[in-house]
Amino acid sequence: MQLDLFREIIVDNFAGGGGASTGIELATGLSVDIAINHDPAAIAMHKANHPDTEHYCESVWDVDPVKAVAGRKVGLAWFSPDCKHFSKAKGGKPVSKNVRGLAWIAVKWAIAVRPRVIMLENVEEFKTWGPLKDGYPDESQKGKTFQSFVKSLEALGYEVEFKELRACDYGAPTTRKRFFMIARCDGKPITWPKPTHGDPQSLSVQAGRLKPWRAASEIIDWDIGTPSIFTRKKPLAKNSMIRIKRGIQKYVIDSNNPYLLDDKAFFIQHYYTHQGKETRASSLYEPLATIPTANRFGLVAAFLTKYYGSDVGQSLNDPLHTITTKDRFGLVTVKGENYRITDIGMRMLQPRELFNAQGFPEHYIIDQDFTGKTYPKTEQVARCGNAVPPPFAEQLVRSNLPELCSSNLKEVN
C-alpha cells in the first residue's frame, strides 16, 4: 500500500526537539515533511524521533521556501518562533529586536509558497509585540508590530484569528498556556478545537461531557523514591526548608484530602520561579505548572505511618516518643484516622517525567540523538521547556485539516 504522492506537505519551522511535529504526526499518522531549526542538538533529537523528515539545520532565514518544497503544495506551515524575548519570565532584561522579529518568517513563506494553512505558537505576550526603545519594549507603541504582522497576512489573502489555549484542556497534564494564531487562504473557516478535559469540579466533567484534567501524579515515576531531607550530604538552604514546611502544612497537615499512595501521603512542590522571585506549591491532584528550560520542579514526600499503639506508631494516650534535635514529628488526621510524619523526602523531577507532563508519548526518545550520542539531563530539560505540548498541535490540526488526518488519508494500490 502506497501513500498518495501528490498529497500536500507539512513544514515545521523552529522545529526544536519535535513537540509540534509529534502532535502533527499524532493527527495525520505521518512525519512532517520538512523540519527547520538552527540548533544542531535540537535537530539531532528531532531526527531520532522523526527519521523520515527532511531536516534543515540552519537559520529559518537561510532556507529558501521555493527550493525546499520543490514544487509541492504546502498544506500546513507551523511556526514556533523563539518566545523568550516576549515572555514576562525574561523580567527586566533587554530584549533583542532580531529575535522578536523571527515571526516575520511566516510572511516570507506566505509570499513564497502560499501555505494553505499557517499556524503560529508563542507566549501570550506575543500580542504586545511592538517597537523597542533603548533595548526595551516601548510601552507607548505596545502591539503595533503585532497589528502590522496580522495585516501583512491579511493583505496576502489570509483570514487570521488568534486565541490563547491551555494544554490541560486538551489532555496534557500541564497548565501551560500558549498563544496560537491560525491563518488560512482556502476560504474554509478557522476552527478552534473544543476542550476535551476540564476542571473535575465543573458541571461539564461531572456530567461526563469532558474528561477531568490529568493530574501531576500521573507523570511521577513512583519507583524512583525521594531521599530524606535530613540525611543529605549538603543540607538544603534555609529558604528551601521554609518552602517545604509551607507545602507540608498546606497539602498534608491542613489538607482534607492529601494525596495518598500505599499509606503514604505525597504532595508536589513546584520550584517554578517567575522573574526569580515567586515560588509555587501545588497539589498532585492538579496539572503541573508551565515547564521552563531549567528544571525547577521538586517532588516532596511526607512519609506517614498509622498513629496507633504499634512498633511504628504510638497511642495518643501515651507520652510522646523521644524528640530528636531535628524535628521529625507531625500529627496528621486523614479521613478520620491519625498518622504521624516519620520522614520527609525530596528530589527533582526527572526529564522523562517532565516530557510526560508536556504530553509527549512515553516512547519518545529524549536521552540520545539519532547517532546514539547521549544527552545530559540539562539538555533534555532544555528541549522539554522549549517544546510545544503535542496535544496542542494534534487538536489544532484535527480541527482545521481533517482531510490530512490519518482516518482520511488517500491510499492507492
Protein backbone atom coordinates (compact mmCIF):
# COMPACT_ATOMS: atom_id res chain seq x y z
CA MET A 1 0.00 0.00 0.00
CA GLN A 2 1.44 3.36 -1.07
CA LEU A 3 0.52 6.84 0.12
CA ASP A 4 -0.67 9.40 -2.42
CA LEU A 5 2.50 11.04 -3.76
CA PHE A 6 0.56 14.18 -4.68
CA ARG A 7 -0.64 15.00 -1.19
CA GLU A 8 0.11 18.37 0.38
CA ILE A 9 3.21 18.55 2.56
CA ILE A 10 3.69 19.84 6.10
CA VAL A 11 6.55 22.09 7.22
CA ASP A 12 7.65 22.66 10.83
CA ASN A 13 9.73 25.81 11.21
CA PHE A 14 11.58 26.25 14.55
CA ALA A 15 11.06 22.51 14.97
CA GLY A 16 13.16 22.16 18.14
CA GLY A 17 13.07 18.71 19.71
CA GLY A 18 9.81 17.91 17.95
CA GLY A 19 6.79 18.84 20.08
CA ALA A 20 4.71 20.31 17.27
CA SER A 21 5.91 17.67 14.81
CA THR A 22 4.86 14.93 17.23
CA GLY A 23 1.39 16.41 17.67
CA ILE A 24 1.02 16.77 13.90
CA GLU A 25 2.09 13.15 13.45
CA LEU A 26 -0.43 12.01 16.07
CA ALA A 27 -3.12 13.71 14.00
CA THR A 28 -2.00 12.79 10.48
CA GLY A 29 -0.22 9.49 11.01
CA LEU A 30 2.78 10.85 9.08
CA SER A 31 6.03 12.57 9.95
CA VAL A 32 6.22 16.22 8.93
CA ASP A 33 7.92 16.54 5.55
CA ILE A 34 10.33 19.35 6.41
CA ALA A 35 11.74 20.45 9.79
CA ILE A 36 13.92 23.54 10.22
CA ASN A 37 15.97 24.59 13.24
CA HIS A 38 19.34 26.29 13.74
CA ASP A 39 20.31 24.23 16.81
CA PRO A 40 22.21 21.00 15.95
CA ALA A 41 21.25 19.38 19.26
CA ALA A 42 17.56 20.05 18.68
CA ILE A 43 17.72 18.73 15.12
CA ALA A 44 19.58 15.63 16.38
CA MET A 45 16.74 14.85 18.81
CA HIS A 46 14.17 15.57 16.09
CA LYS A 47 15.95 13.14 13.72
CA ALA A 48 15.93 10.41 16.36
CA ASN A 49 12.14 10.60 16.61
CA HIS A 50 11.24 11.67 13.06
CA PRO A 51 13.71 9.87 10.79
CA ASP A 52 11.53 10.23 7.68
CA THR A 53 11.58 14.03 7.85
CA GLU A 54 13.83 16.17 5.64
CA HIS A 55 15.89 18.23 8.10
CA TYR A 56 17.47 21.67 7.64
CA CYS A 57 19.94 22.58 10.39
CA GLU A 58 20.24 26.28 9.67
CA SER A 59 18.58 29.60 10.32
CA VAL A 60 15.00 29.81 9.08
CA TRP A 61 16.04 32.90 7.13
CA ASP A 62 18.63 30.92 5.17
CA VAL A 63 16.14 28.33 3.89
CA ASP A 64 14.58 29.16 0.51
CA PRO A 65 10.92 28.06 0.74
CA VAL A 66 10.63 27.59 -3.02
CA LYS A 67 13.67 25.29 -3.21
CA ALA A 68 12.69 23.42 -0.04
CA VAL A 69 9.18 22.49 -1.19
CA ALA A 70 10.41 21.65 -4.71
CA GLY A 71 7.09 22.30 -6.42
CA ARG A 72 4.97 20.55 -3.81
CA LYS A 73 1.93 22.29 -2.35
CA VAL A 74 2.10 23.15 1.35
CA GLY A 75 -0.99 22.20 3.32
CA LEU A 76 0.34 23.38 6.67
CA ALA A 77 3.27 25.54 7.74
CA TRP A 78 3.84 25.57 11.50
CA PHE A 79 5.86 28.32 13.21
CA SER A 80 7.08 28.43 16.83
CA PRO A 81 9.49 31.40 16.88
CA ASP A 82 11.64 31.99 19.96
CA CYS A 83 9.41 33.29 22.74
CA LYS A 84 11.98 34.35 25.34
CA HIS A 85 12.12 37.96 24.16
CA PHE A 86 8.34 38.30 24.55
CA SER A 87 7.85 36.30 27.74
CA LYS A 88 7.37 38.06 31.07
CA ALA A 89 9.72 35.42 32.51
CA LYS A 90 12.60 37.40 30.98
CA GLY A 91 11.97 40.04 33.61
CA GLY A 92 13.62 43.45 33.27
CA LYS A 93 16.42 42.35 30.93
CA PRO A 94 16.87 43.98 27.50
CA VAL A 95 15.27 42.20 24.54
CA SER A 96 16.52 41.53 21.01
CA LYS A 97 14.81 43.12 18.02
CA ASN A 98 16.15 40.35 15.77
CA VAL A 99 14.78 37.55 17.94
CA ARG A 100 11.42 39.28 18.30
CA GLY A 101 11.34 39.66 14.52
CA LEU A 102 11.65 35.94 13.82
CA ALA A 103 7.88 35.67 13.39
CA TRP A 104 8.14 37.58 10.10
CA ILE A 105 9.39 34.33 8.55
CA ALA A 106 5.72 33.28 8.37
CA VAL A 107 5.06 36.17 5.98
CA LYS A 108 8.08 35.15 3.88
CA TRP A 109 6.62 31.64 3.47
CA ALA A 110 3.18 33.07 2.73
CA ILE A 111 4.63 35.16 -0.11
CA ALA A 112 6.92 32.44 -1.47
CA VAL A 113 4.82 29.25 -1.43
CA ARG A 114 1.41 30.29 -0.03
CA PRO A 115 0.73 27.54 2.53
CA ARG A 116 -2.96 26.76 2.66
CA VAL A 117 -2.91 26.96 6.47
CA ILE A 118 -0.41 28.72 8.72
CA MET A 119 -0.26 28.07 12.47
CA LEU A 120 1.92 30.09 14.84
CA GLU A 121 2.59 29.40 18.51
CA ASN A 122 4.11 31.71 21.12
CA VAL A 123 3.63 33.09 24.63
CA GLU A 124 0.56 35.17 25.36
CA GLU A 125 2.66 38.37 25.43
CA PHE A 126 3.25 37.97 21.69
CA LYS A 127 0.25 40.26 21.17
CA THR A 128 2.22 43.10 22.78
CA TRP A 129 4.91 42.93 20.05
CA GLY A 130 5.95 46.48 19.24
CA PRO A 131 8.97 48.73 18.61
CA LEU A 132 11.84 48.91 21.10
CA LYS A 133 13.25 51.96 22.84
CA ASP A 134 16.81 51.69 24.19
CA GLY A 135 16.58 47.90 24.16
CA TYR A 136 13.22 47.67 25.94
CA PRO A 137 9.64 47.47 24.64
CA ASP A 138 8.23 50.95 24.03
CA GLU A 139 5.08 50.96 26.16
CA SER A 140 3.57 53.77 24.08
CA GLN A 141 3.65 51.55 20.96
CA LYS A 142 2.72 48.23 22.50
CA GLY A 143 1.13 45.85 19.98
CA LYS A 144 1.80 47.96 16.87
CA THR A 145 4.19 45.50 15.24
CA PHE A 146 1.79 42.66 16.02
CA GLN A 147 -1.01 44.54 14.26
CA SER A 148 1.25 45.09 11.24
CA PHE A 149 2.11 41.40 11.21
CA VAL A 150 -1.57 40.42 11.13
CA LYS A 151 -2.36 42.99 8.43
CA SER A 152 0.51 41.66 6.30
CA LEU A 153 -1.02 38.18 6.28
CA GLU A 154 -4.48 39.60 5.59
CA ALA A 155 -3.09 41.61 2.66
CA LEU A 156 -1.84 38.32 1.19
CA GLY A 157 -5.38 36.91 1.24
CA TYR A 158 -5.33 35.11 4.58
CA GLU A 159 -8.11 35.08 7.14
CA VAL A 160 -6.46 35.44 10.56
CA GLU A 161 -7.64 34.53 14.04
CA PHE A 162 -5.79 34.08 17.32
CA LYS A 163 -6.57 32.69 20.72
CA GLU A 164 -4.95 31.54 23.98
CA LEU A 165 -5.25 27.85 24.86
CA ARG A 166 -4.23 25.77 27.88
CA ALA A 167 -2.60 22.38 27.43
CA CYS A 168 -4.52 20.86 30.35
CA ASP A 169 -7.77 21.42 28.44
CA TYR A 170 -6.55 19.09 25.68
CA GLY A 171 -5.21 16.16 27.67
CA ALA A 172 -1.70 17.22 28.72
CA PRO A 173 -1.08 17.17 32.50
CA THR A 174 0.32 20.72 32.50
CA THR A 175 -1.37 24.11 32.80
CA ARG A 176 0.92 25.58 30.12
CA LYS A 177 -0.89 28.45 28.36
CA ARG A 178 0.07 29.48 24.85
CA PHE A 179 -0.96 31.98 22.18
CA PHE A 180 -1.98 30.47 18.83
CA MET A 181 -2.61 32.17 15.51
CA ILE A 182 -4.29 30.43 12.60
CA ALA A 183 -4.23 31.94 9.12
CA ARG A 184 -5.76 30.25 6.08
CA CYS A 185 -6.26 31.26 2.46
CA ASP A 186 -8.50 28.47 1.15
CA GLY A 187 -11.83 30.06 2.08
CA LYS A 188 -12.60 27.44 4.74
CA PRO A 189 -13.49 28.57 8.26
CA ILE A 190 -10.94 28.63 11.05
CA THR A 191 -12.00 26.16 13.73
CA TRP A 192 -10.75 26.21 17.31
CA PRO A 193 -10.68 22.77 18.94
CA LYS A 194 -13.16 22.20 21.71
CA PRO A 195 -11.63 21.26 25.09
CA THR A 196 -11.52 17.56 25.80
CA HIS A 197 -10.73 17.95 29.52
CA GLY A 198 -11.84 20.29 32.29
CA ASP A 199 -11.90 21.11 35.99
CA PRO A 200 -13.01 17.99 37.88
CA GLN A 201 -15.43 20.17 39.87
CA SER A 202 -17.11 21.61 36.76
CA LEU A 203 -20.57 20.56 35.63
CA SER A 204 -19.20 19.52 32.22
CA VAL A 205 -16.89 16.97 33.82
CA GLN A 206 -19.43 15.76 36.35
CA ALA A 207 -21.97 15.30 33.56
CA GLY A 208 -19.45 13.29 31.54
CA ARG A 209 -19.16 15.77 28.67
CA LEU A 210 -15.46 16.35 29.40
CA LYS A 211 -12.77 14.22 30.97
CA PRO A 212 -11.18 15.57 34.17
CA TRP A 213 -7.84 17.33 33.87
CA ARG A 214 -4.96 14.91 34.02
CA ALA A 215 -3.12 15.28 37.32
CA ALA A 216 0.57 15.76 38.08
CA SER A 217 0.50 12.42 39.92
CA GLU A 218 0.13 10.61 36.58
CA ILE A 219 3.57 11.60 35.35
CA ILE A 220 5.51 10.71 38.51
CA ASP A 221 7.73 7.62 38.46
CA TRP A 222 6.98 6.38 41.95
CA ASP A 223 9.72 3.75 41.81
CA ILE A 224 12.47 6.39 41.96
CA GLY A 225 11.78 7.34 45.57
CA THR A 226 12.60 10.56 47.43
CA PRO A 227 15.75 10.77 49.61
CA SER A 228 15.30 12.16 53.12
CA ILE A 229 15.93 15.87 53.50
CA PHE A 230 17.52 15.15 56.91
CA THR A 231 20.37 12.93 55.68
CA ARG A 232 21.66 14.93 52.73
CA LYS A 233 25.43 15.41 52.46
CA LYS A 234 24.80 19.09 51.82
CA PRO A 235 21.90 20.49 53.87
CA LEU A 236 19.17 22.28 51.99
CA ALA A 237 19.17 26.06 52.02
CA LYS A 238 17.07 27.76 54.67
CA ASN A 239 14.60 29.12 52.11
CA SER A 240 14.13 25.65 50.62
CA MET A 241 13.32 24.26 54.06
CA ILE A 242 10.80 27.06 54.59
CA ARG A 243 9.11 26.24 51.25
CA ILE A 244 8.96 22.55 52.15
CA LYS A 245 7.49 23.39 55.57
CA ARG A 246 4.79 25.57 53.99
CA GLY A 247 3.94 22.90 51.45
CA ILE A 248 3.70 20.19 54.11
CA GLN A 249 1.46 22.43 56.17
CA LYS A 250 -0.85 23.24 53.24
CA TYR A 251 -1.01 19.95 51.36
CA VAL A 252 -0.60 17.39 54.15
CA ILE A 253 -1.34 18.72 57.63
CA ASP A 254 -4.14 21.16 56.79
CA SER A 255 -5.48 19.30 53.75
CA ASN A 256 -8.75 17.41 53.91
CA ASN A 257 -7.61 15.27 51.01
CA PRO A 258 -3.82 14.73 50.89
CA TYR A 259 -2.55 12.56 48.05
CA LEU A 260 -2.18 9.01 49.40
CA LEU A 261 -0.07 6.23 47.94
CA ASP A 262 0.41 2.96 49.82
CA ASP A 263 -0.39 4.60 53.16
CA LYS A 264 1.99 7.46 52.45
CA ALA A 265 0.88 10.98 51.72
CA PHE A 266 2.57 12.95 48.99
CA PHE A 267 2.42 16.46 47.67
CA ILE A 268 4.35 18.13 44.90
CA GLN A 269 6.10 21.44 45.27
CA HIS A 270 6.77 23.38 42.10
CA TYR A 271 10.04 25.26 42.15
CA TYR A 272 8.89 27.35 39.22
CA THR A 273 10.20 30.88 39.57
CA HIS A 274 8.65 33.87 37.81
CA GLN A 275 11.24 36.64 37.50
CA GLY A 276 13.33 34.87 40.12
CA LYS A 277 11.00 35.78 42.98
CA GLU A 278 7.87 33.63 43.03
CA THR A 279 7.74 30.04 44.26
CA ARG A 280 4.61 27.97 43.89
CA ALA A 281 3.47 24.76 45.57
CA SER A 282 0.64 22.70 44.08
CA SER A 283 -1.24 19.53 44.82
CA LEU A 284 -0.58 16.30 42.95
CA TYR A 285 -4.27 16.34 42.02
CA GLU A 286 -3.65 19.35 39.76
CA PRO A 287 -1.89 19.56 36.38
CA LEU A 288 1.80 20.51 36.52
CA ALA A 289 2.66 24.20 36.07
CA THR A 290 4.39 25.51 32.94
CA ILE A 291 7.75 23.78 32.44
CA PRO A 292 10.72 26.14 31.93
CA THR A 293 14.03 25.30 30.22
CA ALA A 294 15.74 24.78 33.61
CA ASN A 295 14.38 22.16 35.99
CA ARG A 296 12.77 23.88 38.97
CA PHE A 297 10.32 21.17 39.87
CA GLY A 298 10.79 19.18 43.04
CA LEU A 299 8.76 16.27 44.38
CA VAL A 300 8.36 16.42 48.16
CA ALA A 301 7.02 13.36 50.00
CA ALA A 302 5.75 13.30 53.58
CA PHE A 303 6.01 9.70 54.76
CA LEU A 304 3.16 8.86 57.13
CA THR A 305 2.58 5.88 59.42
CA LYS A 306 -0.63 4.95 61.19
CA TYR A 307 -0.67 6.55 64.62
CA TYR A 308 -1.75 3.62 66.82
CA GLY A 309 -0.07 1.52 69.50
CA SER A 310 2.37 -0.49 67.37
CA ASP A 311 6.05 -0.89 66.55
CA VAL A 312 5.93 2.05 64.16
CA GLY A 313 3.50 4.29 65.97
CA GLN A 314 2.09 5.06 69.41
CA SER A 315 -1.17 5.75 71.11
CA LEU A 316 -2.37 9.28 71.62
CA ASN A 317 -2.83 8.33 75.29
CA ASP A 318 0.91 7.56 75.74
CA PRO A 319 3.78 10.00 76.27
CA LEU A 320 5.30 11.28 73.05
CA HIS A 321 8.28 9.35 71.69
CA THR A 322 11.75 10.82 72.16
CA ILE A 323 12.07 14.11 70.31
CA THR A 324 15.31 14.42 68.32
CA THR A 325 17.30 17.59 67.69
CA LYS A 326 15.79 17.70 64.19
CA ASP A 327 12.00 17.92 64.43
CA ARG A 328 10.57 14.98 62.50
CA PHE A 329 7.26 14.72 64.32
CA GLY A 330 3.97 15.88 62.85
CA LEU A 331 0.45 14.72 63.58
CA VAL A 332 -1.97 14.42 60.66
CA THR A 333 -5.58 13.28 60.53
CA VAL A 334 -6.61 11.77 57.19
CA LYS A 335 -10.26 10.81 56.77
CA GLY A 336 -10.70 10.34 60.49
CA GLU A 337 -7.52 8.31 61.01
CA ASN A 338 -4.45 9.59 62.80
CA TYR A 339 -1.00 9.49 61.21
CA ARG A 340 2.39 10.84 62.13
CA ILE A 341 5.05 12.15 59.75
CA THR A 342 8.10 9.90 60.11
CA ASP A 343 10.25 11.44 57.37
CA ILE A 344 10.23 13.98 54.56
CA GLY A 345 11.87 13.31 51.20
CA MET A 346 12.64 15.46 48.21
CA ARG A 347 14.04 15.05 44.71
CA MET A 348 13.92 16.94 41.42
CA LEU A 349 11.59 15.66 38.73
CA GLN A 350 13.40 13.68 36.05
CA PRO A 351 13.40 14.63 32.33
CA ARG A 352 11.12 11.73 31.39
CA GLU A 353 8.56 12.91 33.94
CA LEU A 354 8.71 16.45 32.53
CA PHE A 355 8.27 15.23 28.94
CA ASN A 356 5.30 13.14 30.09
CA ALA A 357 3.84 16.29 31.66
CA GLN A 358 4.11 18.08 28.31
CA GLY A 359 2.02 15.33 26.72
CA PHE A 360 4.78 13.54 24.78
CA PRO A 361 4.30 9.81 24.12
CA GLU A 362 6.15 7.61 26.61
CA HIS A 363 8.26 6.08 23.82
CA TYR A 364 9.62 9.48 22.71
CA ILE A 365 13.42 9.39 22.63
CA ILE A 366 14.85 12.11 24.87
CA ASP A 367 18.19 10.81 26.16
CA GLN A 368 20.10 10.34 22.90
CA ASP A 369 20.23 11.62 19.34
CA PHE A 370 19.89 9.71 16.08
CA THR A 371 23.58 8.71 16.20
CA GLY A 372 23.27 7.22 19.69
CA LYS A 373 25.08 10.09 21.41
CA THR A 374 23.61 10.59 24.88
CA TYR A 375 22.23 13.89 26.17
CA PRO A 376 22.91 15.17 29.71
CA LYS A 377 19.83 15.86 31.81
CA THR A 378 20.26 19.62 31.46
CA GLU A 379 19.91 19.38 27.68
CA GLN A 380 16.93 17.05 27.96
CA VAL A 381 15.15 19.52 30.24
CA ALA A 382 16.02 22.43 27.94
CA ARG A 383 14.47 20.60 24.95
CA CYS A 384 11.37 19.93 27.05
CA GLY A 385 10.99 23.51 28.28
CA ASN A 386 11.18 24.84 24.72
CA ALA A 387 8.79 22.25 23.32
CA VAL A 388 5.22 22.69 22.15
CA PRO A 389 2.97 20.26 24.06
CA PRO A 390 1.97 17.77 21.33
CA PRO A 391 -1.75 17.76 22.26
CA PHE A 392 -1.97 21.41 21.15
CA ALA A 393 -0.74 20.65 17.64
CA GLU A 394 -2.74 17.44 17.37
CA GLN A 395 -6.06 19.05 18.21
CA LEU A 396 -5.46 22.17 16.10
CA VAL A 397 -4.64 20.04 13.06
CA ARG A 398 -7.58 17.70 13.60
CA SER A 399 -9.93 20.69 13.81
CA ASN A 400 -8.63 22.61 10.81
CA LEU A 401 -7.14 20.00 8.49
CA PRO A 402 -9.25 16.85 8.90
CA GLU A 403 -8.53 15.94 5.27
CA LEU A 404 -4.85 15.44 6.19
CA CYS A 405 -5.56 13.37 9.26
CA SER A 406 -4.90 9.64 9.43
CA SER A 407 -8.51 8.49 9.11
CA ASN A 408 -8.93 10.48 5.88
CA LEU A 409 -5.61 9.96 4.08
CA LYS A 410 -5.94 8.77 0.49
CA GLU A 411 -4.31 5.46 -0.32
CA VAL A 412 -3.56 3.89 -3.67
CA ASN A 413 -2.57 0.37 -4.62
